[in-house]
Amino acid sequence: MALRITEQPSLYDHLEKKSVAELLRDMNTEDKKVPLAIEKILPDLEKLVTAIEEKLRAGGRMFYLGAGTGGKLAVLDTLEVPNTYGVDPEIWQAVLAGGVENLVLDLEEAEDDVNEGWITLRDKHHVTPKDIVVGISASGTTPYVLSALKACKENGITTGSFCNNPDSPISAYSDYPIEILTGPEFITGSTRMKSGTSQKLLCDMISTTLMVRLGRVEGNMMVQANLINDKVLDRSVRMLMGRNPSLTDYKFCEEAIKKCGNVKKTEQYLVEQGVLAALPEV
């Protein structure tokens, strides 16, 4: 059996005897190891992101597949990306053991189901070889993820994965495997900690890189964010005015953005109306 670093004993003991300051310091010491572990797998991450980009540009979709902490973090990413970048939620989805609709029920036992993942991908999402499925499992052995990735491979569907153990079983069923070796957890076996932190960082890096590559960011700004609340509306108005110094009337810009839906569409509309001479340089 492959080495399971995530199940090895913590480097710390007698935690119940430590002070608050000591516990926080030791956890922070461990957390510092996460970005260093990610730095080592950046070449592998580049390959996965490039593969996802190719699928999306060709009209395919990306599916995260997971259980437990990793699956929940993937759901969070797919919930945030459509509003943040104004993309169709159909292209960026998550399949969670027990069902995304049951996220708050924390159905941990669902990770042992060896049929649900593939059935959901096949029957609910109608996954095809145009798509890519990325499995997430700290241990690299989660039956739900493992069996679904195996079925994907058998049906000609491109796969990726990330886990926190070397030579893991899910890597064997992944075209683009990533193994982030973050070491033993502060609480022995509690993979919601460093392993989960690494998974959150990877989700952020993957989605952000792809949204930039797909033109949803200009300069360093979210020019196609959906107007989901007053904060985003105000940010968008200030962004529009900052990108176009000739626009000085806040109320006018606010009404224009409300009409059009985001900064990019507003600029295009104002060019058509003759208010702006041309779109700003990117």
Protein backbone atom coordinates (compact mmCIF):
# COMPACT_ATOMS: atom_id res chain seq x y z
CA MET A 1 0.00 0.00 0.00
CA ALA A 2 1.26 3.48 -0.88
CA LEU A 3 2.44 5.72 1.92
CA ARG A 4 -0.39 7.78 3.43
CA ILE A 5 1.30 10.83 4.87
CA THR A 6 -2.07 12.33 5.78
CA GLU A 7 -2.61 9.54 8.34
CA GLN A 8 0.80 9.73 9.97
CA PRO A 9 1.01 10.93 13.60
CA SER A 10 1.11 14.65 14.20
CA LEU A 11 4.47 16.23 14.88
CA TYR A 12 2.92 17.65 18.04
CA ASP A 13 1.66 15.84 21.12
CA HIS A 14 -0.06 16.52 24.45
CA LEU A 15 -2.09 19.23 22.75
CA GLU A 16 -4.53 19.36 25.65
CA LYS A 17 -1.72 20.67 27.84
CA LYS A 18 -0.80 23.56 25.54
CA SER A 19 -1.88 27.16 26.02
CA VAL A 20 -3.99 29.04 23.47
CA ALA A 21 -0.89 30.88 22.31
CA GLU A 22 1.05 27.64 21.85
CA LEU A 23 -1.74 25.96 19.89
CA LEU A 24 -2.15 28.93 17.56
CA ARG A 25 1.60 29.26 17.06
CA ASP A 26 2.05 25.56 16.25
CA MET A 27 -0.87 25.48 13.85
CA ASN A 28 0.46 28.55 12.09
CA THR A 29 3.86 26.87 11.81
CA GLU A 30 2.24 23.93 10.05
CA ASP A 31 0.10 26.12 7.81
CA LYS A 32 3.23 27.86 6.50
CA LYS A 33 4.22 24.57 4.89
CA VAL A 34 1.25 24.57 2.54
CA PRO A 35 2.31 27.21 -0.02
CA LEU A 36 5.80 25.70 -0.07
CA ALA A 37 4.31 22.31 -0.94
CA ILE A 38 2.23 23.93 -3.69
CA GLU A 39 5.29 25.64 -5.10
CA LYS A 40 6.79 22.21 -5.79
CA ILE A 41 3.83 21.09 -7.93
CA LEU A 42 3.35 24.27 -10.00
CA PRO A 43 4.54 22.55 -13.23
CA ASP A 44 1.89 19.84 -12.77
CA LEU A 45 -0.73 22.46 -11.95
CA GLU A 46 0.15 24.34 -15.13
CA LYS A 47 -0.52 21.19 -17.17
CA LEU A 48 -3.92 20.69 -15.54
CA VAL A 49 -4.98 24.32 -15.97
CA THR A 50 -3.88 24.29 -19.61
CA ALA A 51 -5.93 21.14 -20.22
CA ILE A 52 -9.01 22.71 -18.60
CA GLU A 53 -8.58 25.86 -20.68
CA GLU A 54 -8.45 23.83 -23.88
CA LYS A 55 -11.68 22.04 -22.93
CA LEU A 56 -13.50 25.27 -22.06
CA ARG A 57 -12.37 27.05 -25.22
CA ALA A 58 -13.65 24.11 -27.26
CA GLY A 59 -17.10 24.36 -25.67
CA GLY A 60 -16.62 21.77 -22.93
CA ARG A 61 -17.21 21.96 -19.20
CA MET A 62 -15.16 21.45 -16.05
CA PHE A 63 -16.45 19.31 -13.20
CA TYR A 64 -14.93 19.04 -9.76
CA LEU A 65 -15.68 15.71 -8.11
CA GLY A 66 -15.24 15.28 -4.39
CA ALA A 67 -16.40 14.30 -0.92
CA GLY A 68 -15.85 15.78 2.51
CA THR A 69 -13.79 18.96 2.85
CA GLY A 70 -12.38 18.87 -0.67
CA GLY A 71 -15.79 18.42 -2.23
CA LYS A 72 -17.28 21.26 -0.19
CA LEU A 73 -14.45 23.61 -1.13
CA ALA A 74 -15.01 22.76 -4.78
CA VAL A 75 -18.71 23.57 -4.42
CA LEU A 76 -17.78 26.93 -2.89
CA ASP A 77 -15.52 27.68 -5.85
CA THR A 78 -18.20 26.83 -8.41
CA LEU A 79 -20.74 28.96 -6.54
CA GLU A 80 -18.49 32.02 -6.47
CA VAL A 81 -16.98 31.96 -9.96
CA PRO A 82 -20.15 32.69 -12.01
CA ASN A 83 -20.97 35.87 -10.09
CA THR A 84 -17.37 37.01 -9.72
CA TYR A 85 -16.57 36.66 -13.40
CA GLY A 86 -19.98 36.64 -15.09
CA VAL A 87 -19.60 33.20 -16.66
CA ASP A 88 -22.27 30.62 -17.37
CA PRO A 89 -22.48 28.34 -14.29
CA GLU A 90 -22.94 25.39 -16.63
CA ILE A 91 -19.26 25.45 -17.60
CA TRP A 92 -17.95 25.35 -14.00
CA GLN A 93 -19.63 22.75 -11.82
CA ALA A 94 -19.08 20.51 -8.82
CA VAL A 95 -20.33 17.00 -8.10
CA LEU A 96 -20.41 16.30 -4.37
CA ALA A 97 -20.88 12.96 -2.62
CA GLY A 98 -24.41 13.01 -1.24
CA GLY A 99 -25.43 15.79 -3.61
CA VAL A 100 -24.66 19.51 -3.73
CA GLU A 101 -28.22 20.15 -2.55
CA ASN A 102 -27.34 18.32 0.70
CA LEU A 103 -24.14 20.26 1.36
CA VAL A 104 -25.12 21.42 4.85
CA LEU A 105 -26.13 17.89 5.91
CA ASP A 106 -22.49 16.81 5.84
CA LEU A 107 -23.17 13.30 4.54
CA GLU A 108 -19.66 11.97 5.15
CA GLU A 109 -20.74 8.36 4.67
CA ALA A 110 -21.51 9.16 1.03
CA GLU A 111 -17.78 9.12 0.25
CA ASP A 112 -17.90 5.30 0.35
CA ASP A 113 -20.50 5.10 -2.43
CA VAL A 114 -18.79 3.63 -5.49
CA ASN A 115 -21.66 4.26 -7.91
CA GLU A 116 -23.13 7.69 -7.19
CA GLY A 117 -20.33 9.82 -8.65
CA TRP A 118 -20.37 8.32 -12.12
CA ILE A 119 -24.18 8.02 -12.17
CA THR A 120 -24.49 11.72 -11.33
CA LEU A 121 -21.98 12.73 -13.99
CA ARG A 122 -23.57 10.50 -16.61
CA ASP A 123 -27.30 10.84 -15.93
CA LYS A 124 -27.63 14.32 -14.43
CA HIS A 125 -24.85 16.22 -16.18
CA HIS A 126 -24.56 14.09 -19.34
CA VAL A 127 -20.76 14.27 -19.22
CA THR A 128 -18.99 13.68 -22.54
CA PRO A 129 -15.38 13.51 -23.82
CA LYS A 130 -15.66 17.25 -24.51
CA ASP A 131 -15.56 17.81 -20.72
CA ILE A 132 -12.91 17.36 -18.03
CA VAL A 133 -13.46 15.91 -14.54
CA VAL A 134 -11.12 16.80 -11.67
CA GLY A 135 -11.27 14.57 -8.60
CA ILE A 136 -10.33 15.84 -5.13
CA SER A 137 -9.33 13.53 -2.30
CA ALA A 138 -6.88 14.26 0.50
CA SER A 139 -6.13 10.57 0.98
CA GLY A 140 -6.19 9.76 -2.71
CA THR A 141 -8.27 6.68 -1.91
CA THR A 142 -11.83 8.02 -1.48
CA PRO A 143 -14.06 5.35 -3.11
CA TYR A 144 -16.57 7.91 -4.43
CA VAL A 145 -13.86 9.81 -6.29
CA LEU A 146 -11.77 6.81 -7.26
CA SER A 147 -14.60 4.84 -8.87
CA ALA A 148 -15.97 7.85 -10.77
CA LEU A 149 -12.55 8.78 -12.18
CA LYS A 150 -12.08 5.17 -13.25
CA ALA A 151 -15.43 5.26 -15.08
CA CYS A 152 -14.49 8.54 -16.72
CA LYS A 153 -11.28 7.03 -18.05
CA GLU A 154 -13.19 4.03 -19.36
CA ASN A 155 -15.53 6.38 -21.23
CA GLY A 156 -12.87 8.53 -22.84
CA ILE A 157 -13.30 11.53 -20.55
CA THR A 158 -10.21 13.56 -19.64
CA THR A 159 -9.45 13.51 -15.92
CA GLY A 160 -7.41 15.49 -13.43
CA SER A 161 -6.97 15.13 -9.70
CA PHE A 162 -5.35 16.51 -6.61
CA CYS A 163 -4.58 14.73 -3.39
CA ASN A 164 -2.12 14.93 -0.48
CA ASN A 165 -0.36 11.56 -0.60
CA PRO A 166 2.31 10.24 -2.97
CA ASP A 167 1.55 7.58 -5.59
CA SER A 168 -2.14 7.64 -4.72
CA PRO A 169 -4.75 5.42 -6.41
CA ILE A 170 -6.68 8.39 -7.87
CA SER A 171 -3.49 9.58 -9.57
CA ALA A 172 -3.49 6.33 -11.51
CA TYR A 173 -6.86 7.25 -13.02
CA SER A 174 -5.90 10.85 -13.72
CA ASP A 175 -4.46 12.27 -16.93
CA TYR A 176 -3.25 15.28 -14.95
CA PRO A 177 -2.50 14.20 -11.37
CA ILE A 178 -1.33 16.62 -8.70
CA GLU A 179 0.02 15.43 -5.35
CA ILE A 180 0.53 18.19 -2.77
CA LEU A 181 2.60 16.69 0.03
CA THR A 182 1.68 18.87 3.00
CA GLY A 183 2.77 16.28 5.59
CA PRO A 184 1.05 14.96 8.73
CA GLU A 185 -1.83 17.07 10.06
CA PHE A 186 -1.64 19.07 13.30
CA ILE A 187 -4.45 16.85 14.59
CA THR A 188 -3.57 13.35 13.40
CA GLY A 189 -5.67 12.49 10.35
CA SER A 190 -7.67 15.75 10.35
CA THR A 191 -7.39 16.49 6.65
CA ARG A 192 -9.70 19.48 6.92
CA MET A 193 -6.58 21.33 8.08
CA LYS A 194 -3.44 21.52 5.90
CA SER A 195 -4.82 19.23 3.20
CA GLY A 196 -8.01 21.28 3.04
CA THR A 197 -6.04 24.52 2.96
CA SER A 198 -4.01 23.26 0.01
CA GLN A 199 -7.20 22.25 -1.79
CA LYS A 200 -8.74 25.68 -1.23
CA LEU A 201 -5.61 27.37 -2.58
CA LEU A 202 -5.58 25.14 -5.66
CA CYS A 203 -9.25 25.81 -6.39
CA ASP A 204 -8.57 29.56 -6.13
CA MET A 205 -5.51 29.33 -8.37
CA ILE A 206 -7.22 27.18 -11.00
CA SER A 207 -10.39 29.24 -11.32
CA THR A 208 -8.65 32.62 -11.15
CA THR A 209 -6.03 31.68 -13.74
CA LEU A 210 -8.68 30.36 -16.10
CA MET A 211 -10.94 33.38 -15.73
CA VAL A 212 -8.00 35.65 -16.54
CA ARG A 213 -7.06 33.49 -19.53
CA LEU A 214 -10.64 33.46 -20.80
CA GLY A 215 -10.86 37.25 -20.81
CA ARG A 216 -13.03 37.74 -17.74
CA VAL A 217 -10.39 40.05 -16.19
CA GLU A 218 -8.87 43.18 -17.74
CA GLY A 219 -5.81 44.68 -16.12
CA ASN A 220 -6.51 43.40 -12.64
CA MET A 221 -10.24 44.10 -12.56
CA MET A 222 -13.38 41.94 -12.57
CA VAL A 223 -14.99 43.79 -15.47
CA GLN A 224 -17.75 41.21 -15.95
CA ALA A 225 -18.82 40.64 -12.33
CA ASN A 226 -22.55 40.24 -11.81
CA LEU A 227 -24.26 42.99 -9.80
CA ILE A 228 -25.20 40.79 -6.87
CA ASN A 229 -25.23 43.45 -4.13
CA ASP A 230 -24.63 47.14 -3.39
CA LYS A 231 -20.93 46.56 -2.70
CA VAL A 232 -20.34 45.07 -6.12
CA LEU A 233 -22.46 47.77 -7.76
CA ASP A 234 -20.42 50.53 -6.12
CA ARG A 235 -17.15 48.80 -7.01
CA SER A 236 -18.31 48.47 -10.61
CA VAL A 237 -19.27 52.14 -10.84
CA ARG A 238 -15.90 53.23 -9.49
CA MET A 239 -14.18 50.78 -11.83
CA LEU A 240 -16.06 52.20 -14.84
CA MET A 241 -15.14 55.75 -13.88
CA GLY A 242 -11.53 54.83 -13.18
CA ARG A 243 -11.14 53.14 -16.56
CA ASN A 244 -12.83 56.03 -18.35
CA PRO A 245 -11.76 59.40 -16.88
CA SER A 246 -14.26 61.27 -19.07
CA LEU A 247 -17.08 59.72 -17.01
CA THR A 248 -17.40 61.90 -13.92
CA ASP A 249 -21.10 61.58 -13.02
CA TYR A 250 -21.45 58.74 -10.49
CA LYS A 251 -25.24 58.58 -10.78
CA PHE A 252 -25.12 58.41 -14.58
CA CYS A 253 -22.59 55.58 -14.43
CA GLU A 254 -24.63 53.75 -11.79
CA GLU A 255 -27.78 53.86 -13.91
CA ALA A 256 -25.86 52.77 -17.00
CA ILE A 257 -24.35 49.78 -15.22
CA LYS A 258 -27.72 48.77 -13.79
CA LYS A 259 -29.11 48.85 -17.33
CA CYS A 260 -26.26 46.85 -18.87
CA GLY A 261 -25.32 44.41 -16.13
CA ASN A 262 -21.54 44.81 -15.79
CA VAL A 263 -18.65 47.16 -16.54
CA LYS A 264 -17.67 45.58 -19.85
CA LYS A 265 -21.17 45.63 -21.29
CA THR A 266 -21.64 49.19 -20.07
CA GLU A 267 -18.52 50.38 -21.86
CA GLN A 268 -19.65 48.72 -25.07
CA TYR A 269 -23.08 50.34 -24.72
CA LEU A 270 -21.60 53.79 -24.07
CA VAL A 271 -19.38 53.47 -27.15
CA GLU A 272 -22.44 52.61 -29.22
CA GLN A 273 -24.24 55.64 -27.76
CA GLY A 274 -21.33 57.92 -28.57
CA VAL A 275 -20.65 58.70 -24.91
CA LEU A 276 -17.26 56.99 -25.07
CA ALA A 277 -15.02 57.34 -28.08
CA ALA A 278 -13.56 53.85 -27.76
CA LEU A 279 -13.08 51.07 -25.28
CA PRO A 280 -10.10 51.48 -22.96
CA GLU A 281 -6.84 49.79 -23.88
CA VAL A 282 -6.39 46.37 -22.24
